[in-house]
Amino acid sequence: MDKSTADELLDFVDLTKPVRLILGYRSNDDKVSLRRVALAQDAQDMFAEIASEVLENRKQRDPEDWEPARPVSKETYLVTTCEAVGEVPQVSKSKVQPLLAALIDTQDIVETEGKTLLKADPYFYAFQFGIGSDSVTFLRKLNPLRGLRKKRLGFLDDELSLAHHTVFAFDSCVDLIITKEHLIVFNQTAFASIFRGQKELKKMAKGWINGIRDSTPMTQESYDVLLAKGVRDSRAAKRIESIARRGHLASLDASDLREGMEECDLNPSVYMNQSGELVLTADTLFDILKFLNEDMFRGVLTDAPYEVDSKARRN
């Protein structure tokens, strides 16, 4: 994605619009629970300042298309669509179920105050400018109450006095920017924690694996191994999702796969049967996933086999 296209995604942002704070909690029903906090003007001004700094910093970075395993550096950020992220996690007791949509259509989120604040700690907070389709939401994967629930917190002016209200702490960082249709990612770890945790993987992995099987036949035993690993291992899930998103296997047949395996020093007779189906075991699963995701290559100078993100030679 080029810079001009990425810039257009946020051209509409207006940081002078009213700001609302949203707290996100893990719910007992494997969903997310949201609460809204009203903000005084000085708090709104603080969030506008943070957002302005984040948007200015974004202009100094290069946008890249989001991929599950693509890292983010200080010079880059990732862009994807809300549709591509999927409808996980879901939001409890909400007319708007997918979290990304609920963080845009926030008018029905229950408002809370100090006396009604949930006892559980929020695991993220978000601040939104405006409401609905023309709004933008900045999300930080951080508990703003961390370490601040202690009963002996004091403030020093002319003299020290105890705090008798709930205390929040915010930093100047943002992990995600959410619009009605797009998601900008500054922190892959934060993204994975919210949208690709164990509960989310269980809901998403089967669809990805079914898509791969539709274009690349595999034995039933192989499918079962892949599904079992995909729903509980984030490393496997990242590659499975990447393979499914790319869709490149649809144009390849069994002979293409055999030829590719030979070029990667993989024995086709081990990884495929005579019917042209993939054969996976718990021991060979990662080899196949790396191969299908094109994470294997040869050194330009030595022709030695390597894997992406590894300097060690592949055996």
Protein backbone atom coordinates (compact mmCIF):
# COMPACT_ATOMS: atom_id res chain seq x y z
CA MET A 1 0.00 0.00 0.00
CA ASP A 2 1.40 3.42 -0.94
CA LYS A 3 1.42 6.41 1.42
CA SER A 4 -1.14 8.46 -0.47
CA THR A 5 -3.69 5.65 -0.32
CA ALA A 6 -3.08 5.16 3.41
CA ASP A 7 -3.36 8.91 4.03
CA GLU A 8 -6.76 8.99 2.34
CA LEU A 9 -8.08 6.48 4.89
CA LEU A 10 -7.70 9.09 7.64
CA ASP A 11 -8.36 12.31 5.73
CA PHE A 12 -11.77 12.65 7.38
CA VAL A 13 -10.46 12.57 10.97
CA ASP A 14 -11.55 15.57 13.04
CA LEU A 15 -9.92 15.76 16.46
CA THR A 16 -12.14 18.67 17.50
CA LYS A 17 -15.14 16.36 17.81
CA PRO A 18 -16.30 15.29 21.30
CA VAL A 19 -14.24 12.47 22.80
CA ARG A 20 -15.49 9.45 24.72
CA LEU A 21 -13.44 6.90 26.65
CA ILE A 22 -14.27 3.20 26.34
CA LEU A 23 -13.00 0.46 28.65
CA GLY A 24 -12.76 -3.14 27.44
CA TYR A 25 -13.10 -6.14 29.75
CA ARG A 26 -12.86 -9.88 29.20
CA SER A 27 -16.30 -11.36 29.78
CA ASN A 28 -17.18 -14.72 31.35
CA ASP A 29 -18.95 -15.80 28.15
CA ASP A 30 -15.77 -15.65 26.01
CA LYS A 31 -16.79 -12.22 24.79
CA VAL A 32 -15.75 -8.64 25.49
CA SER A 33 -17.69 -6.31 27.76
CA LEU A 34 -17.55 -2.56 27.12
CA ARG A 35 -18.16 0.43 29.38
CA ARG A 36 -18.15 4.12 28.46
CA VAL A 37 -16.72 6.92 30.61
CA ALA A 38 -17.74 10.57 30.28
CA LEU A 39 -14.82 12.97 29.91
CA ALA A 40 -14.32 16.49 31.21
CA GLN A 41 -12.95 18.99 28.69
CA ASP A 42 -9.36 18.84 29.95
CA ALA A 43 -9.40 15.03 29.58
CA GLN A 44 -10.78 15.38 26.04
CA ASP A 45 -7.99 17.83 25.24
CA MET A 46 -5.42 15.34 26.54
CA PHE A 47 -6.69 12.57 24.26
CA ALA A 48 -6.79 14.97 21.31
CA GLU A 49 -3.14 15.80 21.95
CA ILE A 50 -2.22 12.10 22.09
CA ALA A 51 -4.13 11.38 18.88
CA SER A 52 -2.50 14.31 17.10
CA GLU A 53 0.97 13.05 18.03
CA VAL A 54 0.09 9.52 16.86
CA LEU A 55 -1.23 10.74 13.51
CA GLU A 56 1.84 12.90 12.98
CA ASN A 57 4.12 9.98 13.79
CA ARG A 58 2.20 7.82 11.32
CA LYS A 59 3.07 10.23 8.52
CA GLN A 60 6.76 9.50 9.12
CA ARG A 61 6.23 5.75 8.66
CA ASP A 62 5.64 3.58 5.62
CA PRO A 63 2.36 1.65 5.34
CA GLU A 64 2.38 -2.07 4.57
CA ASP A 65 -0.44 -4.53 3.99
CA TRP A 66 -1.24 -6.46 7.15
CA GLU A 67 -0.19 -10.10 7.30
CA PRO A 68 -0.44 -12.28 10.44
CA ALA A 69 3.31 -12.78 10.79
CA ARG A 70 4.51 -9.45 9.39
CA PRO A 71 6.45 -7.48 12.01
CA VAL A 72 6.00 -3.76 12.69
CA SER A 73 9.07 -1.57 13.05
CA LYS A 74 9.45 2.06 14.11
CA GLU A 75 9.44 2.92 10.41
CA THR A 76 6.28 1.02 9.41
CA TYR A 77 2.67 0.32 10.26
CA LEU A 78 0.18 -2.19 8.88
CA VAL A 79 -3.19 -1.62 7.22
CA THR A 80 -6.07 -4.04 6.77
CA THR A 81 -9.85 -4.00 6.58
CA CYS A 82 -12.23 -4.68 9.44
CA GLU A 83 -13.84 -7.34 7.25
CA ALA A 84 -10.51 -9.18 6.94
CA VAL A 85 -10.06 -9.22 10.72
CA GLY A 86 -13.33 -11.09 11.09
CA GLU A 87 -16.17 -10.93 13.60
CA VAL A 88 -14.15 -11.85 16.67
CA PRO A 89 -14.21 -11.17 19.48
CA GLN A 90 -17.91 -10.64 20.06
CA VAL A 91 -19.32 -8.05 22.48
CA SER A 92 -21.59 -9.08 25.35
CA LYS A 93 -25.09 -7.61 25.66
CA SER A 94 -24.65 -5.44 22.58
CA LYS A 95 -26.72 -4.90 19.46
CA VAL A 96 -23.40 -4.55 17.63
CA GLN A 97 -21.58 -7.85 18.13
CA PRO A 98 -18.11 -7.70 16.48
CA LEU A 99 -15.73 -5.64 18.63
CA LEU A 100 -14.41 -3.48 15.79
CA ALA A 101 -17.92 -2.44 14.80
CA ALA A 102 -18.88 -1.86 18.44
CA LEU A 103 -15.94 0.53 18.85
CA ILE A 104 -17.40 2.69 16.07
CA ASP A 105 -21.12 2.44 16.91
CA THR A 106 -20.66 3.27 20.58
CA GLN A 107 -23.89 5.08 21.38
CA ASP A 108 -25.43 2.07 23.14
CA ILE A 109 -22.45 1.30 25.38
CA VAL A 110 -23.40 1.59 29.05
CA GLU A 111 -21.90 4.64 30.74
CA THR A 112 -20.15 4.09 34.04
CA GLU A 113 -18.80 6.30 36.81
CA GLY A 114 -16.58 5.79 39.83
CA LYS A 115 -19.28 4.20 41.97
CA THR A 116 -20.39 1.75 39.27
CA LEU A 117 -16.98 0.88 37.82
CA LEU A 118 -16.50 -2.87 37.42
CA LYS A 119 -14.21 -4.53 39.96
CA ALA A 120 -12.37 -6.41 37.21
CA ASP A 121 -9.45 -4.66 35.51
CA PRO A 122 -9.97 -3.53 31.90
CA TYR A 123 -7.49 -5.04 29.46
CA PHE A 124 -7.68 -2.20 26.96
CA TYR A 125 -8.99 1.32 26.67
CA ALA A 126 -10.03 3.24 23.59
CA PHE A 127 -10.88 6.88 22.91
CA GLN A 128 -13.21 7.85 20.10
CA PHE A 129 -13.65 11.15 18.27
CA GLY A 130 -17.24 11.54 17.12
CA ILE A 131 -19.81 8.75 16.89
CA GLY A 132 -20.74 6.36 14.12
CA SER A 133 -19.46 5.99 10.57
CA ASP A 134 -17.55 9.30 10.53
CA SER A 135 -15.76 8.62 13.80
CA VAL A 136 -12.28 7.28 14.52
CA THR A 137 -11.20 5.24 17.54
CA PHE A 138 -7.70 4.91 18.99
CA LEU A 139 -7.07 1.77 21.03
CA ARG A 140 -4.39 1.05 23.60
CA LYS A 141 -3.90 -2.52 24.89
CA LEU A 142 -3.20 -1.43 28.44
CA ASN A 143 -4.96 -1.43 31.80
CA PRO A 144 -5.37 2.26 32.78
CA LEU A 145 -5.93 1.21 36.40
CA ARG A 146 -2.68 -0.76 36.67
CA GLY A 147 -1.30 -0.44 40.18
CA LEU A 148 -3.72 2.37 40.99
CA ARG A 149 -6.41 0.50 42.93
CA LYS A 150 -4.41 0.70 46.13
CA LYS A 151 -6.25 2.39 48.98
CA ARG A 152 -3.34 4.63 49.95
CA LEU A 153 -2.75 6.86 46.94
CA GLY A 154 -1.81 10.44 47.67
CA PHE A 155 -1.55 13.75 45.82
CA LEU A 156 0.95 16.42 46.82
CA ASP A 157 0.14 20.11 46.53
CA ASP A 158 0.99 22.32 49.49
CA GLU A 159 0.54 19.18 51.52
CA LEU A 160 -0.09 15.51 50.83
CA SER A 161 -3.72 14.43 50.69
CA LEU A 162 -5.24 11.04 49.96
CA ALA A 163 -7.09 10.28 46.74
CA HIS A 164 -10.72 9.37 47.34
CA HIS A 165 -11.63 8.72 43.71
CA THR A 166 -10.69 6.11 41.13
CA VAL A 167 -7.38 7.02 39.50
CA PHE A 168 -6.55 6.35 35.84
CA ALA A 169 -3.17 6.59 34.13
CA PHE A 170 -2.62 6.91 30.37
CA ASP A 171 0.50 7.02 28.23
CA SER A 172 1.07 8.62 24.83
CA CYS A 173 1.04 5.38 22.82
CA VAL A 174 -1.64 3.84 20.61
CA ASP A 175 -1.67 0.26 19.31
CA LEU A 176 -4.54 0.43 16.80
CA ILE A 177 -6.55 3.02 14.90
CA ILE A 178 -10.06 1.91 13.94
CA THR A 179 -12.39 3.40 11.35
CA LYS A 180 -15.65 2.02 10.04
CA GLU A 181 -13.90 0.01 7.31
CA HIS A 182 -10.18 -0.09 8.12
CA LEU A 183 -7.76 -0.98 10.88
CA ILE A 184 -4.28 0.47 11.27
CA VAL A 185 -1.89 -1.63 13.35
CA PHE A 186 1.12 -0.23 15.19
CA ASN A 187 1.55 -3.22 17.50
CA GLN A 188 1.11 -6.79 16.24
CA THR A 189 1.29 -8.25 19.75
CA ALA A 190 -1.61 -6.09 20.88
CA PHE A 191 -3.59 -7.00 17.77
CA ALA A 192 -3.02 -10.73 18.30
CA SER A 193 -3.91 -10.53 21.98
CA ILE A 194 -7.31 -8.98 21.26
CA PHE A 195 -8.28 -10.50 17.91
CA ARG A 196 -6.28 -13.72 17.72
CA GLY A 197 -6.28 -15.09 21.27
CA GLN A 198 -7.08 -18.74 22.01
CA LYS A 199 -10.83 -18.18 22.08
CA GLU A 200 -10.74 -16.28 18.80
CA LEU A 201 -8.52 -18.88 17.11
CA LYS A 202 -11.02 -21.62 17.94
CA LYS A 203 -13.68 -19.68 16.06
CA MET A 204 -11.53 -18.67 13.08
CA ALA A 205 -9.07 -21.51 12.42
CA LYS A 206 -11.56 -24.02 11.03
CA GLY A 207 -12.67 -21.59 8.32
CA TRP A 208 -9.08 -20.91 7.26
CA ILE A 209 -8.22 -24.61 7.16
CA ASN A 210 -11.36 -25.47 5.21
CA GLY A 211 -10.36 -22.86 2.65
CA ILE A 212 -6.90 -24.40 2.29
CA ARG A 213 -8.34 -27.90 1.95
CA ASP A 214 -10.75 -26.75 -0.77
CA SER A 215 -7.83 -25.79 -3.02
CA THR A 216 -5.22 -28.25 -1.77
CA PRO A 217 -6.55 -31.74 -0.95
CA MET A 218 -5.26 -33.41 2.20
CA THR A 219 -6.04 -36.62 4.03
CA GLN A 220 -8.64 -36.53 6.79
CA GLU A 221 -5.94 -37.37 9.32
CA SER A 222 -3.90 -34.41 8.06
CA TYR A 223 -6.91 -32.12 8.35
CA ASP A 224 -7.48 -33.24 11.94
CA VAL A 225 -3.83 -32.64 12.86
CA LEU A 226 -3.89 -29.19 11.27
CA LEU A 227 -7.12 -28.20 12.99
CA ALA A 228 -5.96 -29.43 16.40
CA LYS A 229 -2.76 -27.40 16.10
CA GLY A 230 -4.37 -24.35 14.56
CA VAL A 231 -6.83 -23.75 17.39
CA ARG A 232 -4.22 -23.81 20.15
CA ASP A 233 -0.85 -22.77 18.68
CA SER A 234 -0.52 -19.12 17.63
CA ARG A 235 2.61 -19.84 15.55
CA ALA A 236 0.76 -22.38 13.45
CA ALA A 237 -2.34 -20.18 13.30
CA LYS A 238 -0.37 -17.23 11.89
CA ARG A 239 0.89 -19.30 8.98
CA ILE A 240 -2.49 -20.96 8.43
CA GLU A 241 -4.21 -17.59 8.27
CA SER A 242 -1.53 -16.18 5.98
CA ILE A 243 -1.87 -19.12 3.56
CA ALA A 244 -5.65 -18.79 3.55
CA ARG A 245 -5.56 -15.02 3.02
CA ARG A 246 -3.14 -15.19 0.11
CA GLY A 247 -5.16 -17.78 -1.78
CA HIS A 248 -2.17 -18.64 -3.98
CA LEU A 249 -2.68 -22.41 -3.66
CA ALA A 250 -5.84 -22.27 -5.78
CA SER A 251 -3.75 -22.00 -8.96
CA LEU A 252 -1.42 -24.91 -8.08
CA ASP A 253 -1.94 -28.63 -8.64
CA ALA A 254 -0.25 -31.69 -7.15
CA SER A 255 2.59 -31.65 -9.70
CA ASP A 256 3.36 -28.01 -8.81
CA LEU A 257 3.54 -28.92 -5.14
CA ARG A 258 5.82 -31.89 -5.79
CA GLU A 259 8.15 -29.76 -7.89
CA GLY A 260 8.25 -27.08 -5.20
CA MET A 261 9.00 -29.62 -2.49
CA GLU A 262 11.95 -30.97 -4.44
CA GLU A 263 13.33 -27.45 -4.83
CA CYS A 264 13.06 -27.03 -1.05
CA ASP A 265 14.75 -30.38 -0.36
CA LEU A 266 11.50 -31.90 0.89
CA ASN A 267 10.75 -35.46 -0.18
CA PRO A 268 7.34 -35.42 -1.94
CA SER A 269 6.77 -39.09 -1.11
CA VAL A 270 6.84 -38.17 2.59
CA TYR A 271 4.51 -35.18 2.37
CA MET A 272 2.07 -36.36 -0.34
CA ASN A 273 0.37 -39.65 -1.15
CA GLN A 274 -0.18 -41.19 -4.58
CA SER A 275 -3.60 -39.53 -4.81
CA GLY A 276 -1.97 -36.09 -4.65
CA GLU A 277 -3.19 -35.37 -1.12
CA LEU A 278 -1.04 -33.67 1.50
CA VAL A 279 0.04 -35.94 4.34
CA LEU A 280 0.71 -34.13 7.62
CA THR A 281 1.73 -35.44 11.01
CA ALA A 282 2.46 -33.63 14.25
CA ASP A 283 6.17 -33.91 13.40
CA THR A 284 5.95 -32.63 9.82
CA LEU A 285 3.20 -30.03 10.19
CA PHE A 286 5.46 -26.99 10.52
CA ASP A 287 7.57 -28.05 7.53
CA ILE A 288 4.43 -28.17 5.39
CA LEU A 289 3.10 -24.85 6.69
CA LYS A 290 6.41 -23.10 6.01
CA PHE A 291 6.49 -24.63 2.54
CA LEU A 292 2.90 -23.67 1.68
CA ASN A 293 3.47 -20.13 2.97
CA GLU A 294 6.68 -19.87 0.92
CA ASP A 295 8.77 -19.36 4.04
CA MET A 296 11.62 -21.49 2.65
CA PHE A 297 14.32 -20.15 0.36
CA ARG A 298 17.95 -20.58 -0.71
CA GLY A 299 20.82 -18.22 -0.06
CA VAL A 300 21.74 -16.14 -3.11
CA LEU A 301 25.48 -16.71 -2.64
CA THR A 302 25.68 -20.19 -1.13
CA ASP A 303 22.46 -21.82 -2.38
CA ALA A 304 22.08 -23.11 1.20
CA PRO A 305 18.48 -23.73 2.39
CA TYR A 306 17.08 -21.26 4.92
CA GLU A 307 13.76 -20.28 6.47
CA VAL A 308 12.27 -16.81 6.72
CA ASP A 309 13.29 -14.98 9.93
CA SER A 310 16.07 -17.46 10.65
CA LYS A 311 19.81 -17.29 9.98
CA ALA A 312 20.25 -20.97 10.77
CA ARG A 313 20.53 -23.33 7.83
CA ARG A 314 17.55 -25.57 7.29
CA ASN A 315 18.41 -29.25 7.63
